[in-house]
Amino acid sequence: MKSNARCWAPPAVVLLIAMLLLSGCATANSDAKAICPPVVQYTTADQTRAAEEVEALPEGAMVVRMLSDYAVLRDQARTCR
């Protein structure tokens, strides 16, 4: 054996870490049902009040952008079932 042969061998810890990482990849069951969050139902009065409050916000308010993101999430949660 050459004197530098030990330098080319990966330490046992590296092999152990690689094995642990690879074993964690396939633990989920592909037949498992997706867990969908519940979609809160709002009354017409609540929706009307929210629309009025959004209309009162200044142009370009960050809350309006966040609410549109929330609407997308609600649509995704509805189709998840």
PDB file of N, CA and C in Angstrom:
ATOM      1  N   MET A   1       0.843  -1.176   0.000  1.00  0.00           N
ATOM      2  CA  MET A   1       0.000   0.000   0.000  1.00  0.00           C
ATOM      3  C   MET A   1       0.885   1.235   0.000  1.00  0.00           C
ATOM      4  N   LYS A   2       0.513   2.193  -0.842  1.00  0.00           N
ATOM      5  CA  LYS A   2       1.282   3.427  -0.908  1.00  0.00           C
ATOM      6  C   LYS A   2       1.041   4.266   0.330  1.00  0.00           C
ATOM      7  N   SER A   3       1.941   5.165   0.574  1.00  0.00           N
ATOM      8  CA  SER A   3       1.830   5.983   1.782  1.00  0.00           C
ATOM      9  C   SER A   3       0.688   6.992   1.709  1.00  0.00           C
ATOM     10  N   ASN A   4       0.230   7.344   0.507  1.00  0.00           N
ATOM     11  CA  ASN A   4      -0.854   8.317   0.385  1.00  0.00           C
ATOM     12  C   ASN A   4      -2.212   7.641   0.150  1.00  0.00           C
ATOM     13  N   ALA A   5      -2.321   6.344   0.235  1.00  0.00           N
ATOM     14  CA  ALA A   5      -3.572   5.631  -0.012  1.00  0.00           C
ATOM     15  C   ALA A   5      -4.635   6.009   1.019  1.00  0.00           C
ATOM     16  N   ARG A   6      -4.259   6.255   2.229  1.00  0.00           N
ATOM     17  CA  ARG A   6      -5.206   6.621   3.283  1.00  0.00           C
ATOM     18  C   ARG A   6      -5.858   7.979   3.000  1.00  0.00           C
ATOM     19  N   CYS A   7      -5.178   8.867   2.326  1.00  0.00           N
ATOM     20  CA  CYS A   7      -5.712  10.194   2.014  1.00  0.00           C
ATOM     21  C   CYS A   7      -6.889  10.110   1.052  1.00  0.00           C
ATOM     22  N   TRP A   8      -6.943   9.101   0.212  1.00  0.00           N
ATOM     23  CA  TRP A   8      -7.997   8.984  -0.784  1.00  0.00           C
ATOM     24  C   TRP A   8      -9.233   8.263  -0.250  1.00  0.00           C
ATOM     25  N   ALA A   9      -9.161   7.640   0.896  1.00  0.00           N
ATOM     26  CA  ALA A   9     -10.298   6.919   1.474  1.00  0.00           C
ATOM     27  C   ALA A   9     -11.158   7.889   2.278  1.00  0.00           C
ATOM     28  N   PRO A  10     -12.488   7.935   1.983  1.00  0.00           N
ATOM     29  CA  PRO A  10     -13.348   8.843   2.743  1.00  0.00           C
ATOM     30  C   PRO A  10     -13.503   8.348   4.180  1.00  0.00           C
ATOM     31  N   PRO A  11     -13.554   9.256   5.125  1.00  0.00           N
ATOM     32  CA  PRO A  11     -13.727   8.832   6.519  1.00  0.00           C
ATOM     33  C   PRO A  11     -15.077   8.129   6.692  1.00  0.00           C
ATOM     34  N   ALA A  12     -15.145   7.240   7.647  1.00  0.00           N
ATOM     35  CA  ALA A  12     -16.361   6.468   7.889  1.00  0.00           C
ATOM     36  C   ALA A  12     -17.542   7.378   8.233  1.00  0.00           C
ATOM     37  N   VAL A  13     -17.283   8.516   8.846  1.00  0.00           N
ATOM     38  CA  VAL A  13     -18.355   9.448   9.213  1.00  0.00           C
ATOM     39  C   VAL A  13     -19.049   9.974   7.968  1.00  0.00           C
ATOM     40  N   VAL A  14     -18.303  10.257   6.925  1.00  0.00           N
ATOM     41  CA  VAL A  14     -18.892  10.767   5.682  1.00  0.00           C
ATOM     42  C   VAL A  14     -19.815   9.716   5.081  1.00  0.00           C
ATOM     43  N   LEU A  15     -19.385   8.474   5.083  1.00  0.00           N
ATOM     44  CA  LEU A  15     -20.226   7.402   4.557  1.00  0.00           C
ATOM     45  C   LEU A  15     -21.497   7.238   5.392  1.00  0.00           C
ATOM     46  N   LEU A  16     -21.390   7.355   6.688  1.00  0.00           N
ATOM     47  CA  LEU A  16     -22.539   7.240   7.565  1.00  0.00           C
ATOM     48  C   LEU A  16     -23.542   8.368   7.308  1.00  0.00           C
ATOM     49  N   ILE A  17     -23.047   9.584   7.173  1.00  0.00           N
ATOM     50  CA  ILE A  17     -23.925  10.732   6.912  1.00  0.00           C
ATOM     51  C   ILE A  17     -24.624  10.561   5.569  1.00  0.00           C
ATOM     52  N   ALA A  18     -23.884  10.130   4.546  1.00  0.00           N
ATOM     53  CA  ALA A  18     -24.483   9.923   3.232  1.00  0.00           C
ATOM     54  C   ALA A  18     -25.565   8.851   3.297  1.00  0.00           C
ATOM     55  N   MET A  19     -25.319   7.792   4.022  1.00  0.00           N
ATOM     56  CA  MET A  19     -26.295   6.724   4.159  1.00  0.00           C
ATOM     57  C   MET A  19     -27.562   7.216   4.855  1.00  0.00           C
ATOM     58  N   LEU A  20     -27.399   8.000   5.910  1.00  0.00           N
ATOM     59  CA  LEU A  20     -28.553   8.532   6.623  1.00  0.00           C
ATOM     60  C   LEU A  20     -29.376   9.478   5.751  1.00  0.00           C
ATOM     61  N   LEU A  21     -28.696  10.321   4.993  1.00  0.00           N
ATOM     62  CA  LEU A  21     -29.406  11.262   4.124  1.00  0.00           C
ATOM     63  C   LEU A  21     -30.173  10.529   3.033  1.00  0.00           C
ATOM     64  N   LEU A  22     -29.568   9.510   2.458  1.00  0.00           N
ATOM     65  CA  LEU A  22     -30.229   8.776   1.390  1.00  0.00           C
ATOM     66  C   LEU A  22     -31.376   7.922   1.914  1.00  0.00           C
ATOM     67  N   SER A  23     -31.262   7.421   3.114  1.00  0.00           N
ATOM     68  CA  SER A  23     -32.335   6.584   3.656  1.00  0.00           C
ATOM     69  C   SER A  23     -33.563   7.413   4.001  1.00  0.00           C
ATOM     70  N   GLY A  24     -33.405   8.703   4.230  1.00  0.00           N
ATOM     71  CA  GLY A  24     -34.537   9.564   4.559  1.00  0.00           C
ATOM     72  C   GLY A  24     -35.320  10.016   3.350  1.00  0.00           C
ATOM     73  N   CYS A  25     -34.848   9.745   2.156  1.00  0.00           N
ATOM     74  CA  CYS A  25     -35.506  10.238   0.944  1.00  0.00           C
ATOM     75  C   CYS A  25     -36.801   9.504   0.617  1.00  0.00           C
ATOM     76  N   ALA A  26     -36.892   8.247   0.896  1.00  0.00           N
ATOM     77  CA  ALA A  26     -38.029   7.463   0.444  1.00  0.00           C
ATOM     78  C   ALA A  26     -38.897   6.968   1.595  1.00  0.00           C
ATOM     79  N   THR A  27     -39.043   7.761   2.625  1.00  0.00           N
ATOM     80  CA  THR A  27     -39.826   7.295   3.770  1.00  0.00           C
ATOM     81  C   THR A  27     -41.315   7.577   3.620  1.00  0.00           C
ATOM     82  N   ALA A  28     -41.717   8.493   2.745  1.00  0.00           N
ATOM     83  CA  ALA A  28     -43.128   8.841   2.609  1.00  0.00           C
ATOM     84  C   ALA A  28     -43.842   7.841   1.711  1.00  0.00           C
ATOM     85  N   ASN A  29     -45.070   7.539   2.062  1.00  0.00           N
ATOM     86  CA  ASN A  29     -45.892   6.648   1.272  1.00  0.00           C
ATOM     87  C   ASN A  29     -46.511   7.458   0.144  1.00  0.00           C
ATOM     88  N   SER A  30     -46.345   7.032  -1.091  1.00  0.00           N
ATOM     89  CA  SER A  30     -46.872   7.788  -2.220  1.00  0.00           C
ATOM     90  C   SER A  30     -48.394   7.701  -2.299  1.00  0.00           C
ATOM     91  N   ASP A  31     -48.986   6.721  -1.618  1.00  0.00           N
ATOM     92  CA  ASP A  31     -50.434   6.580  -1.621  1.00  0.00           C
ATOM     93  C   ASP A  31     -51.100   7.387  -0.518  1.00  0.00           C
ATOM     94  N   ALA A  32     -50.301   8.046   0.304  1.00  0.00           N
ATOM     95  CA  ALA A  32     -50.855   8.816   1.424  1.00  0.00           C
ATOM     96  C   ALA A  32     -51.661   9.994   0.898  1.00  0.00           C
ATOM     97  N   LYS A  33     -52.776  10.272   1.548  1.00  0.00           N
ATOM     98  CA  LYS A  33     -53.614  11.405   1.167  1.00  0.00           C
ATOM     99  C   LYS A  33     -52.982  12.705   1.629  1.00  0.00           C
ATOM    100  N   ALA A  34     -53.121  13.739   0.824  1.00  0.00           N
ATOM    101  CA  ALA A  34     -52.602  15.050   1.200  1.00  0.00           C
ATOM    102  C   ALA A  34     -53.433  15.614   2.348  1.00  0.00           C
ATOM    103  N   ILE A  35     -52.782  16.266   3.249  1.00  0.00           N
ATOM    104  CA  ILE A  35     -53.481  16.901   4.364  1.00  0.00           C
ATOM    105  C   ILE A  35     -53.839  18.315   3.932  1.00  0.00           C
ATOM    106  N   CYS A  36     -55.121  18.562   3.824  1.00  0.00           N
ATOM    107  CA  CYS A  36     -55.589  19.861   3.345  1.00  0.00           C
ATOM    108  C   CYS A  36     -56.062  20.711   4.509  1.00  0.00           C
ATOM    109  N   PRO A  37     -55.664  21.975   4.516  1.00  0.00           N
ATOM    110  CA  PRO A  37     -56.141  22.860   5.581  1.00  0.00           C
ATOM    111  C   PRO A  37     -57.615  23.186   5.369  1.00  0.00           C
ATOM    112  N   PRO A  38     -58.345  23.431   6.439  1.00  0.00           N
ATOM    113  CA  PRO A  38     -59.759  23.792   6.280  1.00  0.00           C
ATOM    114  C   PRO A  38     -59.883  25.202   5.702  1.00  0.00           C
ATOM    115  N   VAL A  39     -60.910  25.383   4.894  1.00  0.00           N
ATOM    116  CA  VAL A  39     -61.185  26.692   4.319  1.00  0.00           C
ATOM    117  C   VAL A  39     -62.295  27.336   5.154  1.00  0.00           C
ATOM    118  N   VAL A  40     -61.983  28.467   5.754  1.00  0.00           N
ATOM    119  CA  VAL A  40     -62.952  29.180   6.595  1.00  0.00           C
ATOM    120  C   VAL A  40     -64.011  29.807   5.696  1.00  0.00           C
ATOM    121  N   GLN A  41     -65.252  29.619   6.074  1.00  0.00           N
ATOM    122  CA  GLN A  41     -66.363  30.211   5.323  1.00  0.00           C
ATOM    123  C   GLN A  41     -66.713  31.565   5.941  1.00  0.00           C
ATOM    124  N   TYR A  42     -66.844  32.584   5.098  1.00  0.00           N
ATOM    125  CA  TYR A  42     -67.213  33.922   5.555  1.00  0.00           C
ATOM    126  C   TYR A  42     -68.618  34.251   5.058  1.00  0.00           C
ATOM    127  N   THR A  43     -69.361  34.963   5.881  1.00  0.00           N
ATOM    128  CA  THR A  43     -70.706  35.373   5.479  1.00  0.00           C
ATOM    129  C   THR A  43     -70.597  36.467   4.422  1.00  0.00           C
ATOM    130  N   THR A  44     -71.703  36.696   3.741  1.00  0.00           N
ATOM    131  CA  THR A  44     -71.744  37.769   2.741  1.00  0.00           C
ATOM    132  C   THR A  44     -71.480  39.119   3.395  1.00  0.00           C
ATOM    133  N   ALA A  45     -72.001  39.302   4.590  1.00  0.00           N
ATOM    134  CA  ALA A  45     -71.788  40.559   5.316  1.00  0.00           C
ATOM    135  C   ALA A  45     -70.307  40.755   5.632  1.00  0.00           C
ATOM    136  N   ASP A  46     -69.627  39.671   6.048  1.00  0.00           N
ATOM    137  CA  ASP A  46     -68.187  39.753   6.329  1.00  0.00           C
ATOM    138  C   ASP A  46     -67.411  40.105   5.058  1.00  0.00           C
ATOM    139  N   GLN A  47     -67.785  39.479   3.958  1.00  0.00           N
ATOM    140  CA  GLN A  47     -67.095  39.740   2.692  1.00  0.00           C
ATOM    141  C   GLN A  47     -67.313  41.168   2.211  1.00  0.00           C
ATOM    142  N   THR A  48     -68.524  41.665   2.387  1.00  0.00           N
ATOM    143  CA  THR A  48     -68.828  43.043   2.000  1.00  0.00           C
ATOM    144  C   THR A  48     -68.035  44.026   2.845  1.00  0.00           C
ATOM    145  N   ARG A  49     -67.992  43.777   4.145  1.00  0.00           N
ATOM    146  CA  ARG A  49     -67.232  44.654   5.048  1.00  0.00           C
ATOM    147  C   ARG A  49     -65.744  44.640   4.688  1.00  0.00           C
ATOM    148  N   ALA A  50     -65.201  43.460   4.416  1.00  0.00           N
ATOM    149  CA  ALA A  50     -63.784  43.347   4.045  1.00  0.00           C
ATOM    150  C   ALA A  50     -63.505  44.101   2.752  1.00  0.00           C
ATOM    151  N   ALA A  51     -64.405  43.977   1.781  1.00  0.00           N
ATOM    152  CA  ALA A  51     -64.221  44.684   0.505  1.00  0.00           C
ATOM    153  C   ALA A  51     -64.215  46.190   0.713  1.00  0.00           C
ATOM    154  N   GLU A  52     -65.098  46.682   1.574  1.00  0.00           N
ATOM    155  CA  GLU A  52     -65.144  48.125   1.863  1.00  0.00           C
ATOM    156  C   GLU A  52     -63.853  48.589   2.538  1.00  0.00           C
ATOM    157  N   GLU A  53     -63.338  47.764   3.448  1.00  0.00           N
ATOM    158  CA  GLU A  53     -62.101  48.131   4.139  1.00  0.00           C
ATOM    159  C   GLU A  53     -60.908  48.126   3.178  1.00  0.00           C
ATOM    160  N   VAL A  54     -60.889  47.173   2.247  1.00  0.00           N
ATOM    161  CA  VAL A  54     -59.795  47.117   1.268  1.00  0.00           C
ATOM    162  C   VAL A  54     -59.866  48.325   0.340  1.00  0.00           C
ATOM    163  N   GLU A  55     -61.073  48.702  -0.051  1.00  0.00           N
ATOM    164  CA  GLU A  55     -61.239  49.876  -0.922  1.00  0.00           C
ATOM    165  C   GLU A  55     -60.741  51.148  -0.247  1.00  0.00           C
ATOM    166  N   ALA A  56     -60.831  51.209   1.080  1.00  0.00           N
ATOM    167  CA  ALA A  56     -60.409  52.399   1.814  1.00  0.00           C
ATOM    168  C   ALA A  56     -58.885  52.489   1.957  1.00  0.00           C
ATOM    169  N   LEU A  57     -58.170  51.408   1.645  1.00  0.00           N
ATOM    170  CA  LEU A  57     -56.708  51.417   1.777  1.00  0.00           C
ATOM    171  C   LEU A  57     -56.074  52.298   0.705  1.00  0.00           C
ATOM    172  N   PRO A  58     -54.908  52.856   0.994  1.00  0.00           N
ATOM    173  CA  PRO A  58     -54.231  53.677  -0.017  1.00  0.00           C
ATOM    174  C   PRO A  58     -53.774  52.824  -1.197  1.00  0.00           C
ATOM    175  N   GLU A  59     -53.613  53.472  -2.326  1.00  0.00           N
ATOM    176  CA  GLU A  59     -53.157  52.794  -3.552  1.00  0.00           C
ATOM    177  C   GLU A  59     -51.797  52.137  -3.320  1.00  0.00           C
ATOM    178  N   GLY A  60     -51.664  50.882  -3.727  1.00  0.00           N
ATOM    179  CA  GLY A  60     -50.391  50.169  -3.595  1.00  0.00           C
ATOM    180  C   GLY A  60     -50.108  49.639  -2.200  1.00  0.00           C
ATOM    181  N   ALA A  61     -51.122  49.541  -1.355  1.00  0.00           N
ATOM    182  CA  ALA A  61     -50.916  49.044   0.005  1.00  0.00           C
ATOM    183  C   ALA A  61     -50.469  47.579  -0.040  1.00  0.00           C
ATOM    184  N   MET A  62     -49.508  47.247   0.776  1.00  0.00           N
ATOM    185  CA  MET A  62     -48.963  45.896   0.813  1.00  0.00           C
ATOM    186  C   MET A  62     -50.009  44.878   1.234  1.00  0.00           C
ATOM    187  N   VAL A  63     -50.941  45.285   2.064  1.00  0.00           N
ATOM    188  CA  VAL A  63     -51.987  44.378   2.548  1.00  0.00           C
ATOM    189  C   VAL A  63     -52.813  43.842   1.373  1.00  0.00           C
ATOM    190  N   VAL A  64     -53.030  44.658   0.348  1.00  0.00           N
ATOM    191  CA  VAL A  64     -53.808  44.228  -0.816  1.00  0.00           C
ATOM    192  C   VAL A  64     -53.070  43.095  -1.532  1.00  0.00           C
ATOM    193  N   ARG A  65     -51.769  43.214  -1.686  1.00  0.00           N
ATOM    194  CA  ARG A  65     -50.974  42.152  -2.322  1.00  0.00           C
ATOM    195  C   ARG A  65     -51.026  40.873  -1.480  1.00  0.00           C
ATOM    196  N   MET A  66     -50.937  41.032  -0.180  1.00  0.00           N
ATOM    197  CA  MET A  66     -50.981  39.868   0.705  1.00  0.00           C
ATOM    198  C   MET A  66     -52.351  39.191   0.637  1.00  0.00           C
ATOM    199  N   LEU A  67     -53.399  39.974   0.530  1.00  0.00           N
ATOM    200  CA  LEU A  67     -54.739  39.401   0.420  1.00  0.00           C
ATOM    201  C   LEU A  67     -54.909  38.631  -0.887  1.00  0.00           C
ATOM    202  N   SER A  68     -54.296  39.096  -1.962  1.00  0.00           N
ATOM    203  CA  SER A  68     -54.398  38.346  -3.219  1.00  0.00           C
ATOM    204  C   SER A  68     -53.640  37.028  -3.112  1.00  0.00           C
ATOM    205  N   ASP A  69     -52.511  37.015  -2.406  1.00  0.00           N
ATOM    206  CA  ASP A  69     -51.793  35.759  -2.158  1.00  0.00           C
ATOM    207  C   ASP A  69     -52.655  34.819  -1.317  1.00  0.00           C
ATOM    208  N   TYR A  70     -53.358  35.372  -0.338  1.00  0.00           N
ATOM    209  CA  TYR A  70     -54.237  34.581   0.510  1.00  0.00           C
ATOM    210  C   TYR A  70     -55.377  33.975  -0.307  1.00  0.00           C
ATOM    211  N   ALA A  71     -55.878  34.729  -1.270  1.00  0.00           N
ATOM    212  CA  ALA A  71     -56.953  34.218  -2.127  1.00  0.00           C
ATOM    213  C   ALA A  71     -56.469  33.019  -2.939  1.00  0.00           C
ATOM    214  N   VAL A  72     -55.237  33.070  -3.418  1.00  0.00           N
ATOM    215  CA  VAL A  72     -54.666  31.943  -4.156  1.00  0.00           C
ATOM    216  C   VAL A  72     -54.550  30.723  -3.250  1.00  0.00           C
ATOM    217  N   LEU A  73     -54.094  30.923  -2.024  1.00  0.00           N
ATOM    218  CA  LEU A  73     -53.983  29.817  -1.073  1.00  0.00           C
ATOM    219  C   LEU A  73     -55.351  29.202  -0.765  1.00  0.00           C
ATOM    220  N   ARG A  74     -56.369  30.040  -0.641  1.00  0.00           N
ATOM    221  CA  ARG A  74     -57.725  29.521  -0.395  1.00  0.00           C
ATOM    222  C   ARG A  74     -58.212  28.686  -1.571  1.00  0.00           C
ATOM    223  N   ASP A  75     -57.943  29.139  -2.790  1.00  0.00           N
ATOM    224  CA  ASP A  75     -58.331  28.367  -3.977  1.00  0.00           C
ATOM    225  C   ASP A  75     -57.609  27.022  -4.011  1.00  0.00           C
ATOM    226  N   GLN A  76     -56.336  27.025  -3.663  1.00  0.00           N
ATOM    227  CA  GLN A  76     -55.568  25.775  -3.644  1.00  0.00           C
ATOM    228  C   GLN A  76     -56.091  24.835  -2.566  1.00  0.00           C
ATOM    229  N   ALA A  77     -56.462  25.373  -1.418  1.00  0.00           N
ATOM    230  CA  ALA A  77     -56.995  24.539  -0.344  1.00  0.00           C
ATOM    231  C   ALA A  77     -58.341  23.944  -0.720  1.00  0.00           C
ATOM    232  N   ARG A  78     -59.146  24.712  -1.474  1.00  0.00           N
ATOM    233  CA  ARG A  78     -60.443  24.191  -1.916  1.00  0.00           C
ATOM    234  C   ARG A  78     -60.272  23.005  -2.862  1.00  0.00           C
ATOM    235  N   THR A  79     -59.309  23.080  -3.774  1.00  0.00           N
ATOM    236  CA  THR A  79     -59.103  22.009  -4.756  1.00  0.00           C
ATOM    237  C   THR A  79     -58.324  20.835  -4.186  1.00  0.00           C
ATOM    238  N   CYS A  80     -57.761  20.995  -3.026  1.00  0.00           N
ATOM    239  CA  CYS A  80     -56.945  19.953  -2.395  1.00  0.00           C
ATOM    240  C   CYS A  80     -57.780  18.744  -2.009  1.00  0.00           C
ATOM    241  N   ARG A  81     -59.005  18.959  -1.656  1.00  0.00           N
ATOM    242  CA  ARG A  81     -59.854  17.872  -1.174  1.00  0.00           C
ATOM    243  C   ARG A  81     -60.078  16.926  -2.254  1.00  0.00           C
TER     244      ARG A  81
END
